[in-house]
Amino acid sequence: MLIRQARRADIPALRLLGEATWQVAYEFAGPDYIAHGPDQWWTEQALLDCLRDTTVFVADQDGQVLGVGNLDVRGTVPVIWKRYVHPSTQGTGLGSALLAQLIAAAPLDATSVRLEYVAGNEPAAAFYRAKGFLEIGTEPGERAGWPGTVWVERDLARDEPRGRARSASPA
């Protein structure tokens, strides 16, 4: 498994990954929420914008994209907006490797990193707690009947010193 920076040529594979992961990750949120996500976050244009505006890594195994994560450093605190792995690879350490790569890509002067997950996604909540993220706030659902958002943050001061993120690393 290789974690590398995403390229424009990865967009078709990312769209497929998004559809596969979204269905499984948000099954608890209901069909309306599930139907909305791919049309909002996994279209070709949304992925092009993501590649343009953020640092995007993919987990690549023999040319197959099995995971994606992105880091946005445009604000005062770096934000991880995506971290998805194909359902067939969950529990293999791939998500942890992607998260580590995203954190390593944070600017050296960053003191923390944030991300959000959908309220009710208990596997995500447990994963991020285990990785040192603490809840800092919540937001209501975007639409009536949709789950809210949970914001978490990890203090980077406790981490070992970070160097420049490597463009590729084994997982």
Protein backbone atom coordinates (compact mmCIF):
# COMPACT_ATOMS: atom_id res chain seq x y z
CA MET A 1 0.00 0.00 0.00
CA LEU A 2 1.31 3.42 -0.95
CA ILE A 3 0.02 6.74 0.34
CA ARG A 4 0.69 9.45 -2.21
CA GLN A 5 -0.60 12.83 -3.28
CA ALA A 6 -3.73 12.61 -5.37
CA ARG A 7 -3.71 13.57 -9.02
CA ARG A 8 -6.41 14.73 -11.39
CA ALA A 9 -6.29 11.28 -13.00
CA ASP A 10 -7.53 9.82 -9.67
CA ILE A 11 -10.90 11.59 -9.89
CA PRO A 12 -12.88 8.71 -11.46
CA ALA A 13 -11.55 6.33 -8.79
CA LEU A 14 -12.28 8.88 -6.05
CA ARG A 15 -15.87 9.21 -7.24
CA LEU A 16 -16.32 5.44 -7.00
CA LEU A 17 -14.67 5.39 -3.57
CA GLY A 18 -16.93 8.20 -2.38
CA GLU A 19 -20.08 6.41 -3.45
CA ALA A 20 -18.99 3.12 -1.88
CA THR A 21 -17.93 4.65 1.43
CA TRP A 22 -20.81 7.10 1.74
CA GLN A 23 -23.40 4.32 1.52
CA VAL A 24 -21.80 2.38 4.37
CA ALA A 25 -20.60 5.22 6.61
CA TYR A 26 -23.94 7.02 6.72
CA GLU A 27 -26.45 4.18 6.59
CA PHE A 28 -27.62 5.25 10.07
CA ALA A 29 -28.44 8.76 8.79
CA GLY A 30 -31.19 7.69 6.42
CA PRO A 31 -31.74 7.54 2.66
CA ASP A 32 -32.18 11.28 2.10
CA TYR A 33 -28.85 12.06 3.73
CA ILE A 34 -27.14 9.24 1.82
CA ALA A 35 -28.56 10.46 -1.50
CA HIS A 36 -27.35 14.02 -0.88
CA GLY A 37 -23.68 13.30 -0.08
CA PRO A 38 -22.31 11.99 -3.37
CA ASP A 39 -24.02 14.80 -5.27
CA GLN A 40 -22.51 17.37 -2.93
CA TRP A 41 -18.99 16.09 -2.15
CA TRP A 42 -18.02 13.46 -4.71
CA THR A 43 -18.80 15.04 -8.07
CA GLU A 44 -15.99 15.69 -10.55
CA GLN A 45 -16.19 19.44 -9.84
CA ALA A 46 -16.18 18.98 -6.06
CA LEU A 47 -13.12 16.75 -6.32
CA LEU A 48 -11.36 19.18 -8.67
CA ASP A 49 -12.03 21.95 -6.14
CA CYS A 50 -10.68 19.71 -3.38
CA LEU A 51 -7.48 19.03 -5.35
CA ARG A 52 -7.07 22.74 -6.06
CA ASP A 53 -7.76 24.02 -2.54
CA THR A 54 -6.40 21.33 -0.22
CA THR A 55 -3.68 18.73 0.12
CA VAL A 56 -5.16 15.40 -0.90
CA PHE A 57 -3.62 11.99 -0.30
CA VAL A 58 -4.79 8.66 -1.65
CA ALA A 59 -4.04 5.15 -0.50
CA ASP A 60 -3.08 3.26 -3.63
CA GLN A 61 -2.67 -0.47 -3.89
CA ASP A 62 -1.49 -1.65 -7.28
CA GLY A 63 -3.18 1.31 -8.97
CA GLN A 64 -6.46 0.94 -7.09
CA VAL A 65 -7.50 3.87 -4.89
CA LEU A 66 -8.69 2.41 -1.57
CA GLY A 67 -8.63 5.52 0.60
CA VAL A 68 -8.55 9.30 0.52
CA GLY A 69 -7.90 12.11 2.95
CA ASN A 70 -7.49 15.84 2.58
CA LEU A 71 -6.12 18.68 4.66
CA ASP A 72 -7.17 22.30 4.31
CA VAL A 73 -4.64 24.82 5.62
CA ARG A 74 -6.37 28.01 4.42
CA GLY A 75 -7.74 28.86 7.89
CA THR A 76 -6.07 29.51 11.21
CA VAL A 77 -6.34 25.83 12.19
CA PRO A 78 -5.76 23.05 9.63
CA VAL A 79 -8.94 21.04 8.94
CA ILE A 80 -9.23 17.48 7.69
CA TRP A 81 -12.38 17.41 5.56
CA LYS A 82 -12.19 13.90 4.14
CA ARG A 83 -10.80 10.64 5.47
CA TYR A 84 -12.49 7.70 3.90
CA VAL A 85 -11.34 4.16 3.25
CA HIS A 86 -13.08 1.54 1.16
CA PRO A 87 -15.34 -0.62 3.37
CA SER A 88 -13.31 -3.71 2.44
CA THR A 89 -10.19 -2.14 4.03
CA GLN A 90 -11.69 -0.89 7.27
CA GLY A 91 -9.85 -2.22 10.30
CA THR A 92 -6.60 -2.82 8.37
CA GLY A 93 -4.74 0.28 9.57
CA LEU A 94 -5.26 2.15 6.31
CA GLY A 95 -7.38 4.87 7.95
CA SER A 96 -4.75 5.33 10.65
CA ALA A 97 -2.01 5.62 8.03
CA LEU A 98 -3.99 8.24 6.11
CA LEU A 99 -4.65 10.20 9.29
CA ALA A 100 -0.96 10.13 10.20
CA GLN A 101 -0.03 11.40 6.74
CA LEU A 102 -2.59 14.22 7.00
CA ILE A 103 -1.29 15.28 10.40
CA ALA A 104 2.29 15.16 9.11
CA ALA A 105 1.24 17.50 6.29
CA ALA A 106 0.05 20.19 8.71
CA PRO A 107 2.21 23.32 8.75
CA LEU A 108 5.08 23.06 11.21
CA ASP A 109 3.71 25.99 13.22
CA ALA A 110 0.24 24.43 13.56
CA THR A 111 -0.59 23.69 17.19
CA SER A 112 -3.69 21.62 16.46
CA VAL A 113 -5.71 20.01 13.71
CA ARG A 114 -9.51 19.79 13.48
CA LEU A 115 -12.04 17.64 11.76
CA GLU A 116 -15.72 16.97 11.87
CA TYR A 117 -17.82 13.86 11.71
CA VAL A 118 -21.53 13.19 11.52
CA ALA A 119 -23.25 12.87 14.89
CA GLY A 120 -24.32 9.28 15.41
CA ASN A 121 -21.36 7.84 13.52
CA GLU A 122 -20.09 5.90 16.53
CA PRO A 123 -17.24 4.12 14.70
CA ALA A 124 -15.84 7.53 13.65
CA ALA A 125 -16.28 8.92 17.16
CA ALA A 126 -14.40 5.99 18.70
CA PHE A 127 -11.65 6.13 16.06
CA TYR A 128 -10.96 9.83 16.57
CA ARG A 129 -11.08 9.55 20.39
CA ALA A 130 -8.49 6.78 20.18
CA LYS A 131 -6.33 9.06 18.01
CA GLY A 132 -6.32 11.85 20.59
CA PHE A 133 -9.10 14.08 19.23
CA LEU A 134 -11.32 15.83 21.77
CA GLU A 135 -14.78 17.22 21.12
CA ILE A 136 -14.86 21.02 20.84
CA GLY A 137 -18.41 21.64 19.62
CA THR A 138 -21.45 20.53 17.71
CA GLU A 139 -23.70 21.98 15.02
CA PRO A 140 -27.27 21.06 14.14
CA GLY A 141 -28.09 19.10 10.98
CA GLU A 142 -28.19 21.05 7.74
CA ARG A 143 -31.79 19.96 7.13
CA ALA A 144 -34.61 18.80 9.38
CA GLY A 145 -34.17 15.14 10.21
CA TRP A 146 -30.48 15.08 9.30
CA PRO A 147 -27.86 14.35 11.93
CA GLY A 148 -25.71 17.16 13.27
CA THR A 149 -21.98 17.65 13.07
CA VAL A 150 -19.43 16.97 15.81
CA TRP A 151 -16.19 18.98 15.72
CA VAL A 152 -13.06 17.53 17.29
CA GLU A 153 -9.51 18.78 17.66
CA ARG A 154 -6.15 17.17 18.31
CA ASP A 155 -3.43 19.06 20.13
CA LEU A 156 -0.24 18.64 18.09
CA ALA A 157 2.03 19.79 20.91
CA ARG A 158 2.01 16.27 22.35
CA ASP A 159 3.14 14.76 19.05
CA GLU A 160 6.74 14.13 18.11
CA PRO A 161 8.18 16.93 16.00
CA ARG A 162 6.77 16.89 12.50
CA GLY A 163 8.86 17.17 9.38
CA ARG A 164 7.66 17.80 5.92
CA ALA A 165 5.02 15.30 4.85
CA ARG A 166 6.41 12.67 2.58
CA SER A 167 4.74 12.37 -0.80
CA ALA A 168 4.57 8.62 -0.48
CA SER A 169 4.80 6.22 2.42
CA PRO A 170 4.04 2.57 2.96
CA ALA A 171 0.89 1.70 4.87
